[in-house]
Protein backbone atom coordinates (compact mmCIF):
# COMPACT_ATOMS: atom_id res chain seq x y z
CA MET A 1 -0.19 0.05 -0.12
CA LYS A 2 2.94 2.37 1.02
CA LYS A 3 4.55 1.34 -2.42
CA ILE A 4 1.52 2.22 -4.45
CA PHE A 5 0.72 5.64 -2.46
CA LEU A 6 4.83 6.90 -3.15
CA PHE A 7 4.47 5.54 -6.77
CA SER A 8 1.52 7.80 -7.36
CA ILE A 9 2.74 10.72 -5.60
CA LEU A 10 6.22 10.21 -8.13
CA ILE A 11 3.99 9.88 -10.96
CA GLY A 12 2.02 12.91 -10.16
CA LEU A 13 5.13 15.18 -9.47
CA SER A 14 6.72 14.17 -12.65
CA PHE A 15 3.82 15.22 -14.69
CA SER A 16 3.65 18.52 -12.81
CA CYS A 17 7.31 19.35 -13.52
CA GLY A 18 7.15 18.07 -16.83
CA LYS A 19 4.53 20.81 -18.04
CA LYS A 20 6.72 23.51 -16.37
CA VAL A 21 9.77 22.25 -18.00
CA SER A 22 8.05 22.21 -21.58
CA GLU A 23 6.84 25.68 -21.20
CA GLU A 24 10.58 26.94 -20.37
CA ASN A 25 11.93 25.27 -23.27
CA LYS A 26 9.22 26.96 -25.53
CA THR A 27 10.20 29.56 -27.97
CA PRO A 28 8.09 32.97 -27.15
CA ASP A 29 5.84 33.99 -29.96
CA LYS A 30 6.11 37.09 -31.62
CA LYS A 31 4.15 39.79 -29.85
CA VAL A 32 2.91 42.98 -31.40
CA GLU A 33 3.84 45.87 -29.45
CA ALA A 34 1.04 48.18 -28.41
CA LYS A 35 2.02 51.89 -29.33
CA PRO A 36 2.07 53.57 -25.89
CA VAL A 37 -0.27 56.48 -25.13
CA VAL A 38 1.44 59.68 -24.45
CA VAL A 39 -0.41 61.72 -21.79
CA GLY A 40 -0.64 65.21 -23.05
CA GLY A 41 0.13 64.15 -26.83
CA ASP A 42 -3.23 65.40 -27.69
CA SER A 43 -2.43 68.21 -29.90
CA ASP A 44 -4.74 69.49 -32.75
CA ALA A 45 -4.00 70.59 -36.12
CA HIS A 46 -2.88 74.04 -34.57
CA GLY A 47 -0.79 72.37 -31.76
CA CYS A 48 -3.33 73.06 -28.96
CA LYS A 49 -3.70 70.76 -26.30
CA ALA A 50 -7.45 69.68 -25.49
CA SER A 51 -6.20 68.24 -22.24
CA ALA A 52 -4.50 71.10 -20.85
CA GLY A 53 -8.07 73.32 -21.62
CA TYR A 54 -6.52 74.78 -24.79
CA THR A 55 -8.48 75.53 -27.99
CA TRP A 56 -7.72 77.32 -31.09
CA SER A 57 -8.66 80.79 -31.27
CA THR A 58 -9.46 82.16 -35.06
CA LEU A 59 -9.61 85.75 -33.99
CA LYS A 60 -6.31 85.87 -31.81
CA LYS A 61 -4.57 83.51 -33.92
CA GLU A 62 -2.98 81.25 -30.99
CA CYS A 63 -4.06 78.62 -28.41
CA ILE A 64 -6.48 80.03 -25.75
CA ARG A 65 -8.25 78.87 -22.68
CA VAL A 66 -11.85 79.49 -23.77
CA PHE A 67 -13.07 79.20 -19.88
CA GLU A 68 -10.69 82.53 -19.14
CA GLY A 69 -13.23 84.48 -21.40
CA THR A 70 -16.78 85.93 -20.51
CA LYS A 71 -18.73 82.86 -19.69
CA LEU A 72 -22.48 82.87 -21.00
CA SER A 73 -25.11 80.73 -19.30
CA HIS A 74 -27.90 79.34 -21.29
CA ALA A 75 -30.94 81.80 -20.78
CA GLU A 76 -33.59 80.28 -17.94
CA GLU A 77 -36.42 78.36 -19.74
CA ASN A 78 -39.17 77.25 -17.66
CA GLY A 79 -37.13 75.76 -14.77
CA LYS A 80 -34.66 73.82 -16.99
CA THR A 81 -31.11 73.22 -15.68
CA TYR A 82 -28.24 73.15 -18.27
CA THR A 83 -24.80 72.16 -17.28
CA THR A 84 -23.17 73.72 -20.50
CA ALA A 85 -22.04 77.28 -21.34
CA ALA A 86 -20.75 79.33 -24.19
CA PHE A 87 -17.55 81.76 -23.81
CA VAL A 88 -16.78 85.05 -25.66
CA ILE A 89 -13.41 86.76 -25.98
CA PHE A 90 -13.18 90.00 -27.64
CA ASP A 91 -10.56 91.59 -29.40
CA GLY A 92 -11.35 95.30 -30.84
CA ASN A 93 -14.37 95.44 -32.53
CA LYS A 94 -14.69 91.84 -32.95
CA ALA A 95 -15.72 88.98 -30.44
CA GLU A 96 -15.28 85.21 -30.92
CA LEU A 97 -17.86 83.12 -29.72
CA PHE A 98 -17.64 79.62 -28.85
CA LEU A 99 -20.73 77.73 -28.53
CA ASP A 100 -21.64 74.26 -26.92
CA THR A 101 -23.61 73.61 -29.85
CA GLN A 102 -21.20 74.45 -32.80
CA LYS A 103 -18.05 72.50 -33.64
CA GLU A 104 -16.36 75.77 -34.83
CA SER A 105 -16.23 79.20 -33.42
CA ILE A 106 -18.20 81.98 -34.57
CA ILE A 107 -16.33 85.47 -35.34
CA LEU A 108 -19.10 88.48 -34.46
CA GLU A 109 -18.38 91.93 -35.70
CA ARG A 110 -19.57 95.25 -34.50
CA LYS A 111 -19.69 98.58 -36.53
CA SER A 112 -18.53 101.13 -33.52
CA GLU A 113 -18.28 101.13 -29.75
CA GLY A 114 -21.36 100.68 -27.90
CA ASP A 115 -23.25 98.79 -30.69
CA SER A 116 -24.03 95.09 -30.44
CA TRP A 117 -21.78 92.09 -32.33
CA THR A 118 -23.60 90.44 -35.26
CA LYS A 119 -23.30 87.64 -37.72
CA ASP A 120 -25.77 85.98 -39.72
CA ASP A 121 -28.67 85.44 -36.86
CA TYR A 122 -26.41 85.76 -34.01
CA GLN A 123 -26.50 89.17 -31.96
CA LEU A 124 -24.35 89.94 -28.78
CA ILE A 125 -25.90 92.67 -27.07
CA PRO A 126 -24.05 94.76 -24.19
CA TRP A 127 -26.72 94.82 -21.65
CA LYS A 128 -26.46 93.94 -18.02
CA GLY A 129 -23.45 92.26 -19.01
CA TYR A 130 -24.10 90.36 -22.30
CA VAL A 131 -27.31 89.08 -24.21
CA LEU A 132 -26.76 86.57 -26.86
CA LYS A 133 -29.79 86.24 -29.16
CA LYS A 134 -30.22 83.92 -32.24
CA GLY A 135 -33.18 85.53 -34.22
CA ASP A 136 -35.82 86.93 -31.87
CA LYS A 137 -34.80 84.62 -29.15
CA ILE A 138 -32.43 84.86 -26.15
CA ILE A 139 -30.42 81.83 -25.70
CA TYR A 140 -27.28 83.08 -23.51
CA THR A 141 -26.79 85.82 -20.89
CA GLY A 142 -23.54 86.60 -18.91
CA GLU A 143 -21.51 89.37 -17.07
């Protein structure tokens, strides 16, 4: 009985060691290396890093952080709550409008000091801060 027990242990050990030895002798398969993701390597066509909050300004011709501009919040509508906003930067008689609903910014122009900035059906009015209208509807307000 002891001999059968010892014999079965030896057989079991030899099979378990045999598998490990065969895996060590195996030549490794060529693995395809994944390209490492570079943190901060998300530059756009103009070199602006979105991960750092930068966006290309057509008006200023440089990378800017739009949230440092004037913030416009959605006009209040029947108790609706919004989590997005629009931003405006100014340069002389021009204003660049960054809307959450548009991919590209919109350049507004005004004729003289005190007038509103306009383009197509957008109108940015300097009144109690700023009011942005599209057509006849007020869509954003801000200080």
